[in-house]
Amino acid sequence: MRNLIIFCFVLICSVSFAQQHPTPNTNCQLTVEQILREQSFDIDEPISEEAMYIFQDMYEELNFIYQLNANAPERVEHIENFQLKLDQANSLNLNLSMFQADIDFVSNLNQ
């Protein structure tokens, strides 16, 4: 029983902290919650949940982009996925100013 409780606790912690925090790889060093507080909507509004997933995915893709070798074929896929997340964020009119340095870096990779 004790092992089951420990397992559940670890599982809940890993899910709740999954890519919600920046890594040394990204220029944006805000947590997802801090980014959500910078948006034009209240953090309790339904759009906040969708935005949270977009920001988590953006962090995940950025980490892959920064960590992968410049010649790695999968890097292009992560850049495309990041662009899709940017399009989704723009369609929701999300404030992306905190990601500007990261966006500029990825844009320079495409040139």
PDB file of N, CA and C in Angstrom:
ATOM      1  N   MET A   1       0.820  -1.192   0.000  1.00  0.00           N
ATOM      2  CA  MET A   1       0.000   0.000   0.000  1.00  0.00           C
ATOM      3  C   MET A   1       0.867   1.261   0.000  1.00  0.00           C
ATOM      4  N   ARG A   2       1.938   1.207   0.775  1.00  0.00           N
ATOM      5  CA  ARG A   2       2.832   2.361   0.843  1.00  0.00           C
ATOM      6  C   ARG A   2       3.466   2.639  -0.521  1.00  0.00           C
ATOM      7  N   ASN A   3       3.874   1.585  -1.208  1.00  0.00           N
ATOM      8  CA  ASN A   3       4.469   1.743  -2.529  1.00  0.00           C
ATOM      9  C   ASN A   3       3.484   2.343  -3.523  1.00  0.00           C
ATOM     10  N   LEU A   4       2.230   1.950  -3.425  1.00  0.00           N
ATOM     11  CA  LEU A   4       1.202   2.497  -4.304  1.00  0.00           C
ATOM     12  C   LEU A   4       1.022   3.988  -4.061  1.00  0.00           C
ATOM     13  N   ILE A   5       1.017   4.401  -2.816  1.00  0.00           N
ATOM     14  CA  ILE A   5       0.872   5.818  -2.479  1.00  0.00           C
ATOM     15  C   ILE A   5       2.075   6.615  -2.982  1.00  0.00           C
ATOM     16  N   ILE A   6       3.249   6.079  -2.806  1.00  0.00           N
ATOM     17  CA  ILE A   6       4.456   6.753  -3.294  1.00  0.00           C
ATOM     18  C   ILE A   6       4.429   6.863  -4.811  1.00  0.00           C
ATOM     19  N   PHE A   7       4.034   5.796  -5.470  1.00  0.00           N
ATOM     20  CA  PHE A   7       3.945   5.807  -6.923  1.00  0.00           C
ATOM     21  C   PHE A   7       2.964   6.878  -7.392  1.00  0.00           C
ATOM     22  N   CYS A   8       1.795   6.936  -6.778  1.00  0.00           N
ATOM     23  CA  CYS A   8       0.785   7.936  -7.152  1.00  0.00           C
ATOM     24  C   CYS A   8       1.300   9.350  -6.926  1.00  0.00           C
ATOM     25  N   PHE A   9       1.987   9.568  -5.822  1.00  0.00           N
ATOM     26  CA  PHE A   9       2.544  10.877  -5.523  1.00  0.00           C
ATOM     27  C   PHE A   9       3.566  11.290  -6.577  1.00  0.00           C
ATOM     28  N   VAL A  10       4.459  10.395  -6.921  1.00  0.00           N
ATOM     29  CA  VAL A  10       5.478  10.685  -7.933  1.00  0.00           C
ATOM     30  C   VAL A  10       4.821  10.937  -9.288  1.00  0.00           C
ATOM     31  N   LEU A  11       3.822  10.173  -9.633  1.00  0.00           N
ATOM     32  CA  LEU A  11       3.121  10.355 -10.895  1.00  0.00           C
ATOM     33  C   LEU A  11       2.443  11.717 -10.952  1.00  0.00           C
ATOM     34  N   ILE A  12       1.776  12.093  -9.898  1.00  0.00           N
ATOM     35  CA  ILE A  12       1.094  13.388  -9.853  1.00  0.00           C
ATOM     36  C   ILE A  12       2.100  14.533  -9.943  1.00  0.00           C
ATOM     37  N   CYS A  13       3.210  14.404  -9.243  1.00  0.00           N
ATOM     38  CA  CYS A  13       4.242  15.445  -9.292  1.00  0.00           C
ATOM     39  C   CYS A  13       4.842  15.570 -10.689  1.00  0.00           C
ATOM     40  N   SER A  14       5.101  14.454 -11.323  1.00  0.00           N
ATOM     41  CA  SER A  14       5.705  14.507 -12.653  1.00  0.00           C
ATOM     42  C   SER A  14       4.752  15.101 -13.674  1.00  0.00           C
ATOM     43  N   VAL A  15       3.484  14.818 -13.553  1.00  0.00           N
ATOM     44  CA  VAL A  15       2.503  15.383 -14.482  1.00  0.00           C
ATOM     45  C   VAL A  15       2.327  16.869 -14.233  1.00  0.00           C
ATOM     46  N   SER A  16       2.263  17.256 -12.989  1.00  0.00           N
ATOM     47  CA  SER A  16       2.011  18.665 -12.681  1.00  0.00           C
ATOM     48  C   SER A  16       3.201  19.562 -12.992  1.00  0.00           C
ATOM     49  N   PHE A  17       4.414  19.005 -12.982  1.00  0.00           N
ATOM     50  CA  PHE A  17       5.586  19.818 -13.265  1.00  0.00           C
ATOM     51  C   PHE A  17       6.171  19.568 -14.651  1.00  0.00           C
ATOM     52  N   ALA A  18       5.446  18.880 -15.494  1.00  0.00           N
ATOM     53  CA  ALA A  18       5.945  18.551 -16.824  1.00  0.00           C
ATOM     54  C   ALA A  18       6.099  19.814 -17.662  1.00  0.00           C
ATOM     55  N   GLN A  19       7.307  20.178 -17.936  1.00  0.00           N
ATOM     56  CA  GLN A  19       7.681  21.290 -18.806  1.00  0.00           C
ATOM     57  C   GLN A  19       6.930  22.581 -18.490  1.00  0.00           C
ATOM     58  N   GLN A  20       6.698  22.835 -17.241  1.00  0.00           N
ATOM     59  CA  GLN A  20       6.074  24.088 -16.855  1.00  0.00           C
ATOM     60  C   GLN A  20       7.113  25.115 -16.440  1.00  0.00           C
ATOM     61  N   HIS A  21       8.339  24.695 -16.368  1.00  0.00           N
ATOM     62  CA  HIS A  21       9.387  25.587 -15.926  1.00  0.00           C
ATOM     63  C   HIS A  21      10.430  25.695 -17.028  1.00  0.00           C
ATOM     64  N   PRO A  22      11.057  26.848 -17.128  1.00  0.00           N
ATOM     65  CA  PRO A  22      12.088  27.005 -18.158  1.00  0.00           C
ATOM     66  C   PRO A  22      13.317  26.177 -17.831  1.00  0.00           C
ATOM     67  N   THR A  23      14.080  25.922 -18.838  1.00  0.00           N
ATOM     68  CA  THR A  23      15.365  25.259 -18.654  1.00  0.00           C
ATOM     69  C   THR A  23      16.454  26.255 -19.037  1.00  0.00           C
ATOM     70  N   PRO A  24      17.686  25.959 -18.742  1.00  0.00           N
ATOM     71  CA  PRO A  24      18.765  26.889 -19.121  1.00  0.00           C
ATOM     72  C   PRO A  24      18.868  27.086 -20.636  1.00  0.00           C
ATOM     73  N   ASN A  25      18.218  26.233 -21.406  1.00  0.00           N
ATOM     74  CA  ASN A  25      18.296  26.332 -22.862  1.00  0.00           C
ATOM     75  C   ASN A  25      17.494  27.491 -23.430  1.00  0.00           C
ATOM     76  N   THR A  26      16.403  27.860 -22.790  1.00  0.00           N
ATOM     77  CA  THR A  26      15.518  28.876 -23.349  1.00  0.00           C
ATOM     78  C   THR A  26      15.897  30.269 -22.852  1.00  0.00           C
ATOM     79  N   ASN A  27      15.647  31.258 -23.684  1.00  0.00           N
ATOM     80  CA  ASN A  27      15.876  32.643 -23.266  1.00  0.00           C
ATOM     81  C   ASN A  27      14.795  33.100 -22.305  1.00  0.00           C
ATOM     82  N   CYS A  28      13.562  32.680 -22.541  1.00  0.00           N
ATOM     83  CA  CYS A  28      12.460  33.004 -21.639  1.00  0.00           C
ATOM     84  C   CYS A  28      12.610  32.159 -20.375  1.00  0.00           C
ATOM     85  N   GLN A  29      12.698  32.812 -19.244  1.00  0.00           N
ATOM     86  CA  GLN A  29      12.925  32.102 -17.982  1.00  0.00           C
ATOM     87  C   GLN A  29      11.737  32.208 -17.029  1.00  0.00           C
ATOM     88  N   LEU A  30      10.550  32.487 -17.564  1.00  0.00           N
ATOM     89  CA  LEU A  30       9.341  32.559 -16.753  1.00  0.00           C
ATOM     90  C   LEU A  30       8.670  31.199 -16.697  1.00  0.00           C
ATOM     91  N   THR A  31       7.994  30.912 -15.587  1.00  0.00           N
ATOM     92  CA  THR A  31       7.199  29.693 -15.523  1.00  0.00           C
ATOM     93  C   THR A  31       5.933  29.907 -16.343  1.00  0.00           C
ATOM     94  N   VAL A  32       5.262  28.824 -16.663  1.00  0.00           N
ATOM     95  CA  VAL A  32       4.023  28.919 -17.430  1.00  0.00           C
ATOM     96  C   VAL A  32       2.995  29.749 -16.670  1.00  0.00           C
ATOM     97  N   GLU A  33       2.941  29.567 -15.369  1.00  0.00           N
ATOM     98  CA  GLU A  33       1.992  30.351 -14.570  1.00  0.00           C
ATOM     99  C   GLU A  33       2.303  31.844 -14.651  1.00  0.00           C
ATOM    100  N   GLN A  34       3.570  32.222 -14.608  1.00  0.00           N
ATOM    101  CA  GLN A  34       3.948  33.629 -14.729  1.00  0.00           C
ATOM    102  C   GLN A  34       3.573  34.173 -16.105  1.00  0.00           C
ATOM    103  N   ILE A  35       3.753  33.351 -17.128  1.00  0.00           N
ATOM    104  CA  ILE A  35       3.391  33.775 -18.480  1.00  0.00           C
ATOM    105  C   ILE A  35       1.886  33.970 -18.577  1.00  0.00           C
ATOM    106  N   LEU A  36       1.127  33.073 -17.984  1.00  0.00           N
ATOM    107  CA  LEU A  36      -0.336  33.200 -18.004  1.00  0.00           C
ATOM    108  C   LEU A  36      -0.790  34.472 -17.294  1.00  0.00           C
ATOM    109  N   ARG A  37      -0.091  34.861 -16.260  1.00  0.00           N
ATOM    110  CA  ARG A  37      -0.458  36.089 -15.533  1.00  0.00           C
ATOM    111  C   ARG A  37      -0.172  37.342 -16.351  1.00  0.00           C
ATOM    112  N   GLU A  38       0.669  37.233 -17.370  1.00  0.00           N
ATOM    113  CA  GLU A  38       0.995  38.358 -18.244  1.00  0.00           C
ATOM    114  C   GLU A  38       0.011  38.509 -19.405  1.00  0.00           C
ATOM    115  N   GLN A  39      -0.969  37.642 -19.478  1.00  0.00           N
ATOM    116  CA  GLN A  39      -1.923  37.662 -20.586  1.00  0.00           C
ATOM    117  C   GLN A  39      -3.049  38.660 -20.308  1.00  0.00           C
ATOM    118  N   SER A  40      -3.816  38.964 -21.340  1.00  0.00           N
ATOM    119  CA  SER A  40      -4.894  39.944 -21.224  1.00  0.00           C
ATOM    120  C   SER A  40      -6.134  39.379 -20.538  1.00  0.00           C
ATOM    121  N   PHE A  41      -6.192  38.082 -20.339  1.00  0.00           N
ATOM    122  CA  PHE A  41      -7.330  37.454 -19.694  1.00  0.00           C
ATOM    123  C   PHE A  41      -6.962  37.031 -18.281  1.00  0.00           C
ATOM    124  N   ASP A  42      -7.979  36.783 -17.477  1.00  0.00           N
ATOM    125  CA  ASP A  42      -7.772  36.323 -16.114  1.00  0.00           C
ATOM    126  C   ASP A  42      -7.338  34.859 -16.133  1.00  0.00           C
ATOM    127  N   ILE A  43      -6.504  34.474 -15.205  1.00  0.00           N
ATOM    128  CA  ILE A  43      -5.966  33.109 -15.174  1.00  0.00           C
ATOM    129  C   ILE A  43      -7.050  32.062 -14.934  1.00  0.00           C
ATOM    130  N   ASP A  44      -8.211  32.488 -14.439  1.00  0.00           N
ATOM    131  CA  ASP A  44      -9.314  31.559 -14.178  1.00  0.00           C
ATOM    132  C   ASP A  44     -10.240  31.371 -15.373  1.00  0.00           C
ATOM    133  N   GLU A  45     -10.041  32.116 -16.442  1.00  0.00           N
ATOM    134  CA  GLU A  45     -10.895  31.984 -17.618  1.00  0.00           C
ATOM    135  C   GLU A  45     -10.572  30.686 -18.365  1.00  0.00           C
ATOM    136  N   PRO A  46     -11.555  30.148 -19.088  1.00  0.00           N
ATOM    137  CA  PRO A  46     -11.341  28.882 -19.812  1.00  0.00           C
ATOM    138  C   PRO A  46     -10.202  28.931 -20.837  1.00  0.00           C
ATOM    139  N   ILE A  47      -9.970  30.080 -21.440  1.00  0.00           N
ATOM    140  CA  ILE A  47      -8.899  30.194 -22.435  1.00  0.00           C
ATOM    141  C   ILE A  47      -7.522  29.953 -21.795  1.00  0.00           C
ATOM    142  N   SER A  48      -7.438  30.160 -20.495  1.00  0.00           N
ATOM    143  CA  SER A  48      -6.179  29.989 -19.777  1.00  0.00           C
ATOM    144  C   SER A  48      -5.658  28.564 -19.884  1.00  0.00           C
ATOM    145  N   GLU A  49      -6.542  27.592 -19.835  1.00  0.00           N
ATOM    146  CA  GLU A  49      -6.105  26.196 -19.921  1.00  0.00           C
ATOM    147  C   GLU A  49      -5.517  25.888 -21.296  1.00  0.00           C
ATOM    148  N   GLU A  50      -6.172  26.369 -22.344  1.00  0.00           N
ATOM    149  CA  GLU A  50      -5.660  26.149 -23.696  1.00  0.00           C
ATOM    150  C   GLU A  50      -4.309  26.854 -23.870  1.00  0.00           C
ATOM    151  N   ALA A  51      -4.208  28.065 -23.346  1.00  0.00           N
ATOM    152  CA  ALA A  51      -2.954  28.809 -23.425  1.00  0.00           C
ATOM    153  C   ALA A  51      -1.846  28.094 -22.662  1.00  0.00           C
ATOM    154  N   MET A  52      -2.178  27.515 -21.520  1.00  0.00           N
ATOM    155  CA  MET A  52      -1.196  26.789 -20.723  1.00  0.00           C
ATOM    156  C   MET A  52      -0.570  25.656 -21.544  1.00  0.00           C
ATOM    157  N   TYR A  53      -1.408  24.906 -22.252  1.00  0.00           N
ATOM    158  CA  TYR A  53      -0.892  23.800 -23.059  1.00  0.00           C
ATOM    159  C   TYR A  53      -0.025  24.317 -24.207  1.00  0.00           C
ATOM    160  N   ILE A  54      -0.407  25.423 -24.788  1.00  0.00           N
ATOM    161  CA  ILE A  54       0.389  26.003 -25.873  1.00  0.00           C
ATOM    162  C   ILE A  54       1.765  26.409 -25.348  1.00  0.00           C
ATOM    163  N   PHE A  55       1.806  27.084 -24.193  1.00  0.00           N
ATOM    164  CA  PHE A  55       3.085  27.523 -23.639  1.00  0.00           C
ATOM    165  C   PHE A  55       3.960  26.339 -23.227  1.00  0.00           C
ATOM    166  N   GLN A  56       3.357  25.303 -22.673  1.00  0.00           N
ATOM    167  CA  GLN A  56       4.125  24.108 -22.321  1.00  0.00           C
ATOM    168  C   GLN A  56       4.722  23.476 -23.571  1.00  0.00           C
ATOM    169  N   ASP A  57       3.925  23.390 -24.632  1.00  0.00           N
ATOM    170  CA  ASP A  57       4.426  22.821 -25.887  1.00  0.00           C
ATOM    171  C   ASP A  57       5.516  23.691 -26.496  1.00  0.00           C
ATOM    172  N   MET A  58       5.370  25.006 -26.367  1.00  0.00           N
ATOM    173  CA  MET A  58       6.406  25.906 -26.889  1.00  0.00           C
ATOM    174  C   MET A  58       7.731  25.670 -26.158  1.00  0.00           C
ATOM    175  N   TYR A  59       7.676  25.567 -24.834  1.00  0.00           N
ATOM    176  CA  TYR A  59       8.891  25.268 -24.074  1.00  0.00           C
ATOM    177  C   TYR A  59       9.501  23.941 -24.501  1.00  0.00           C
ATOM    178  N   GLU A  60       8.666  22.941 -24.670  1.00  0.00           N
ATOM    179  CA  GLU A  60       9.159  21.623 -25.057  1.00  0.00           C
ATOM    180  C   GLU A  60       9.855  21.673 -26.417  1.00  0.00           C
ATOM    181  N   GLU A  61       9.213  22.316 -27.383  1.00  0.00           N
ATOM    182  CA  GLU A  61       9.813  22.409 -28.719  1.00  0.00           C
ATOM    183  C   GLU A  61      11.091  23.242 -28.688  1.00  0.00           C
ATOM    184  N   LEU A  62      11.084  24.343 -27.943  1.00  0.00           N
ATOM    185  CA  LEU A  62      12.297  25.161 -27.847  1.00  0.00           C
ATOM    186  C   LEU A  62      13.451  24.375 -27.251  1.00  0.00           C
ATOM    187  N   ASN A  63      13.177  23.582 -26.243  1.00  0.00           N
ATOM    188  CA  ASN A  63      14.245  22.779 -25.642  1.00  0.00           C
ATOM    189  C   ASN A  63      14.840  21.814 -26.649  1.00  0.00           C
ATOM    190  N   PHE A  64      13.990  21.180 -27.448  1.00  0.00           N
ATOM    191  CA  PHE A  64      14.504  20.284 -28.488  1.00  0.00           C
ATOM    192  C   PHE A  64      15.328  21.068 -29.505  1.00  0.00           C
ATOM    193  N   ILE A  65      14.834  22.210 -29.922  1.00  0.00           N
ATOM    194  CA  ILE A  65      15.537  23.008 -30.930  1.00  0.00           C
ATOM    195  C   ILE A  65      16.915  23.421 -30.425  1.00  0.00           C
ATOM    196  N   TYR A  66      16.989  23.885 -29.182  1.00  0.00           N
ATOM    197  CA  TYR A  66      18.276  24.323 -28.635  1.00  0.00           C
ATOM    198  C   TYR A  66      19.232  23.159 -28.402  1.00  0.00           C
ATOM    199  N   GLN A  67      18.718  21.994 -28.047  1.00  0.00           N
ATOM    200  CA  GLN A  67      19.584  20.873 -27.700  1.00  0.00           C
ATOM    201  C   GLN A  67      20.063  20.081 -28.905  1.00  0.00           C
ATOM    202  N   LEU A  68      19.269  20.049 -29.972  1.00  0.00           N
ATOM    203  CA  LEU A  68      19.640  19.232 -31.123  1.00  0.00           C
ATOM    204  C   LEU A  68      20.742  19.887 -31.938  1.00  0.00           C
ATOM    205  N   ASN A  69      21.537  19.065 -32.543  1.00  0.00           N
ATOM    206  CA  ASN A  69      22.579  19.514 -33.443  1.00  0.00           C
ATOM    207  C   ASN A  69      21.950  20.253 -34.614  1.00  0.00           C
ATOM    208  N   ALA A  70      22.631  21.259 -35.123  1.00  0.00           N
ATOM    209  CA  ALA A  70      22.103  22.071 -36.225  1.00  0.00           C
ATOM    210  C   ALA A  70      21.796  21.235 -37.464  1.00  0.00           C
ATOM    211  N   ASN A  71      22.491  20.129 -37.659  1.00  0.00           N
ATOM    212  CA  ASN A  71      22.287  19.284 -38.835  1.00  0.00           C
ATOM    213  C   ASN A  71      21.331  18.122 -38.590  1.00  0.00           C
ATOM    214  N   ALA A  72      20.796  18.029 -37.392  1.00  0.00           N
ATOM    215  CA  ALA A  72      19.893  16.919 -37.067  1.00  0.00           C
ATOM    216  C   ALA A  72      18.594  17.063 -37.857  1.00  0.00           C
ATOM    217  N   PRO A  73      18.179  15.998 -38.552  1.00  0.00           N
ATOM    218  CA  PRO A  73      16.961  16.091 -39.373  1.00  0.00           C
ATOM    219  C   PRO A  73      15.698  16.332 -38.547  1.00  0.00           C
ATOM    220  N   GLU A  74      15.673  15.859 -37.307  1.00  0.00           N
ATOM    221  CA  GLU A  74      14.474  16.056 -36.494  1.00  0.00           C
ATOM    222  C   GLU A  74      14.334  17.495 -36.005  1.00  0.00           C
ATOM    223  N   ARG A  75      15.405  18.273 -36.101  1.00  0.00           N
ATOM    224  CA  ARG A  75      15.336  19.682 -35.685  1.00  0.00           C
ATOM    225  C   ARG A  75      14.336  20.452 -36.543  1.00  0.00           C
ATOM    226  N   VAL A  76      14.274  20.151 -37.819  1.00  0.00           N
ATOM    227  CA  VAL A  76      13.327  20.814 -38.721  1.00  0.00           C
ATOM    228  C   VAL A  76      11.894  20.537 -38.277  1.00  0.00           C
ATOM    229  N   GLU A  77      11.632  19.315 -37.872  1.00  0.00           N
ATOM    230  CA  GLU A  77      10.293  18.947 -37.399  1.00  0.00           C
ATOM    231  C   GLU A  77       9.923  19.747 -36.152  1.00  0.00           C
ATOM    232  N   HIS A  78      10.873  19.920 -35.242  1.00  0.00           N
ATOM    233  CA  HIS A  78      10.603  20.680 -34.021  1.00  0.00           C
ATOM    234  C   HIS A  78      10.407  22.167 -34.328  1.00  0.00           C
ATOM    235  N   ILE A  79      11.139  22.674 -35.306  1.00  0.00           N
ATOM    236  CA  ILE A  79      10.944  24.070 -35.721  1.00  0.00           C
ATOM    237  C   ILE A  79       9.547  24.249 -36.301  1.00  0.00           C
ATOM    238  N   GLU A  80       9.108  23.304 -37.116  1.00  0.00           N
ATOM    239  CA  GLU A  80       7.761  23.375 -37.681  1.00  0.00           C
ATOM    240  C   GLU A  80       6.697  23.282 -36.589  1.00  0.00           C
ATOM    241  N   ASN A  81       6.909  22.406 -35.619  1.00  0.00           N
ATOM    242  CA  ASN A  81       5.967  22.288 -34.502  1.00  0.00           C
ATOM    243  C   ASN A  81       5.923  23.576 -33.684  1.00  0.00           C
ATOM    244  N   PHE A  82       7.082  24.200 -33.501  1.00  0.00           N
ATOM    245  CA  PHE A  82       7.129  25.466 -32.785  1.00  0.00           C
ATOM    246  C   PHE A  82       6.354  26.537 -33.547  1.00  0.00           C
ATOM    247  N   GLN A  83       6.523  26.559 -34.855  1.00  0.00           N
ATOM    248  CA  GLN A  83       5.775  27.521 -35.682  1.00  0.00           C
ATOM    249  C   GLN A  83       4.271  27.291 -35.569  1.00  0.00           C
ATOM    250  N   LEU A  84       3.846  26.036 -35.522  1.00  0.00           N
ATOM    251  CA  LEU A  84       2.418  25.731 -35.344  1.00  0.00           C
ATOM    252  C   LEU A  84       1.915  26.260 -34.006  1.00  0.00           C
ATOM    253  N   LYS A  85       2.715  26.097 -32.963  1.00  0.00           N
ATOM    254  CA  LYS A  85       2.332  26.611 -31.642  1.00  0.00           C
ATOM    255  C   LYS A  85       2.264  28.138 -31.657  1.00  0.00           C
ATOM    256  N   LEU A  86       3.187  28.775 -32.379  1.00  0.00           N
ATOM    257  CA  LEU A  86       3.125  30.231 -32.509  1.00  0.00           C
ATOM    258  C   LEU A  86       1.847  30.663 -33.217  1.00  0.00           C
ATOM    259  N   ASP A  87       1.477  29.938 -34.263  1.00  0.00           N
ATOM    260  CA  ASP A  87       0.234  30.252 -34.977  1.00  0.00           C
ATOM    261  C   ASP A  87      -0.978  30.090 -34.070  1.00  0.00           C
ATOM    262  N   GLN A  88      -0.975  29.026 -33.259  1.00  0.00           N
ATOM    263  CA  GLN A  88      -2.087  28.831 -32.319  1.00  0.00           C
ATOM    264  C   GLN A  88      -2.121  29.955 -31.294  1.00  0.00           C
ATOM    265  N   ALA A  89      -0.965  30.353 -30.806  1.00  0.00           N
ATOM    266  CA  ALA A  89      -0.897  31.441 -29.830  1.00  0.00           C
ATOM    267  C   ALA A  89      -1.380  32.753 -30.445  1.00  0.00           C
ATOM    268  N   ASN A  90      -0.988  33.005 -31.685  1.00  0.00           N
ATOM    269  CA  ASN A  90      -1.431  34.227 -32.359  1.00  0.00           C
ATOM    270  C   ASN A  90      -2.930  34.217 -32.615  1.00  0.00           C
ATOM    271  N   SER A  91      -3.483  33.045 -32.906  1.00  0.00           N
ATOM    272  CA  SER A  91      -4.931  32.974 -33.138  1.00  0.00           C
ATOM    273  C   SER A  91      -5.718  33.253 -31.858  1.00  0.00           C
ATOM    274  N   LEU A  92      -5.105  33.017 -30.701  1.00  0.00           N
ATOM    275  CA  LEU A  92      -5.748  33.315 -29.419  1.00  0.00           C
ATOM    276  C   LEU A  92      -5.352  34.703 -28.896  1.00  0.00           C
ATOM    277  N   ASN A  93      -4.568  35.435 -29.676  1.00  0.00           N
ATOM    278  CA  ASN A  93      -4.077  36.766 -29.287  1.00  0.00           C
ATOM    279  C   ASN A  93      -3.307  36.741 -27.972  1.00  0.00           C
ATOM    280  N   LEU A  94      -2.445  35.736 -27.822  1.00  0.00           N
ATOM    281  CA  LEU A  94      -1.651  35.621 -26.608  1.00  0.00           C
ATOM    282  C   LEU A  94      -0.459  36.567 -26.666  1.00  0.00           C
ATOM    283  N   ASN A  95      -0.062  37.064 -25.522  1.00  0.00           N
ATOM    284  CA  ASN A  95       1.109  37.918 -25.393  1.00  0.00           C
ATOM    285  C   ASN A  95       2.346  37.023 -25.427  1.00  0.00           C
ATOM    286  N   LEU A  96       3.149  37.163 -26.467  1.00  0.00           N
ATOM    287  CA  LEU A  96       4.344  36.331 -26.630  1.00  0.00           C
ATOM    288  C   LEU A  96       5.631  37.124 -26.462  1.00  0.00           C
ATOM    289  N   SER A  97       5.536  38.335 -25.935  1.00  0.00           N
ATOM    290  CA  SER A  97       6.712  39.198 -25.840  1.00  0.00           C
ATOM    291  C   SER A  97       7.846  38.565 -25.034  1.00  0.00           C
ATOM    292  N   MET A  98       7.511  37.748 -24.047  1.00  0.00           N
ATOM    293  CA  MET A  98       8.549  37.113 -23.233  1.00  0.00           C
ATOM    294  C   MET A  98       9.333  36.060 -24.006  1.00  0.00           C
ATOM    295  N   PHE A  99       8.790  35.608 -25.120  1.00  0.00           N
ATOM    296  CA  PHE A  99       9.455  34.613 -25.965  1.00  0.00           C
ATOM    297  C   PHE A  99      10.175  35.256 -27.156  1.00  0.00           C
ATOM    298  N   GLN A 100      10.232  36.584 -27.214  1.00  0.00           N
ATOM    299  CA  GLN A 100      10.732  37.250 -28.413  1.00  0.00           C
ATOM    300  C   GLN A 100      12.147  36.827 -28.785  1.00  0.00           C
ATOM    301  N   ALA A 101      13.040  36.702 -27.816  1.00  0.00           N
ATOM    302  CA  ALA A 101      14.415  36.286 -28.120  1.00  0.00           C
ATOM    303  C   ALA A 101      14.445  34.866 -28.682  1.00  0.00           C
ATOM    304  N   ASP A 102      13.612  33.989 -28.135  1.00  0.00           N
ATOM    305  CA  ASP A 102      13.537  32.614 -28.642  1.00  0.00           C
ATOM    306  C   ASP A 102      12.930  32.586 -30.044  1.00  0.00           C
ATOM    307  N   ILE A 103      11.896  33.384 -30.257  1.00  0.00           N
ATOM    308  CA  ILE A 103      11.258  33.450 -31.582  1.00  0.00           C
ATOM    309  C   ILE A 103      12.251  33.966 -32.613  1.00  0.00           C
ATOM    310  N   ASP A 104      13.015  34.996 -32.250  1.00  0.00           N
ATOM    311  CA  ASP A 104      14.031  35.531 -33.172  1.00  0.00           C
ATOM    312  C   ASP A 104      15.086  34.483 -33.492  1.00  0.00           C
ATOM    313  N   PHE A 105      15.509  33.723 -32.493  1.00  0.00           N
ATOM    314  CA  PHE A 105      16.508  32.669 -32.717  1.00  0.00           C
ATOM    315  C   PHE A 105      15.988  31.636 -33.713  1.00  0.00           C
ATOM    316  N   VAL A 106      14.750  31.169 -33.509  1.00  0.00           N
ATOM    317  CA  VAL A 106      14.167  30.155 -34.396  1.00  0.00           C
ATOM    318  C   VAL A 106      13.955  30.743 -35.790  1.00  0.00           C
ATOM    319  N   SER A 107      13.567  32.002 -35.871  1.00  0.00           N
ATOM    320  CA  SER A 107      13.379  32.644 -37.178  1.00  0.00           C
ATOM    321  C   SER A 107      14.684  32.714 -37.941  1.00  0.00           C
ATOM    322  N   ASN A 108      15.783  32.980 -37.250  1.00  0.00           N
ATOM    323  CA  ASN A 108      17.093  33.027 -37.901  1.00  0.00           C
ATOM    324  C   ASN A 108      17.542  31.662 -38.392  1.00  0.00           C
ATOM    325  N   LEU A 109      17.070  30.600 -37.761  1.00  0.00           N
ATOM    326  CA  LEU A 109      17.403  29.255 -38.219  1.00  0.00           C
ATOM    327  C   LEU A 109      16.741  28.947 -39.558  1.00  0.00           C
ATOM    328  N   ASN A 110      15.584  29.545 -39.806  1.00  0.00           N
ATOM    329  CA  ASN A 110      14.842  29.279 -41.037  1.00  0.00           C
ATOM    330  C   ASN A 110      15.404  30.054 -42.220  1.00  0.00           C
ATOM    331  N   GLN A 111      16.254  31.033 -41.986  1.00  0.00           N
ATOM    332  CA  GLN A 111      16.767  31.853 -43.086  1.00  0.00           C
ATOM    333  C   GLN A 111      17.959  31.229 -43.734  1.00  0.00           C
TER     334      GLN A 111
END
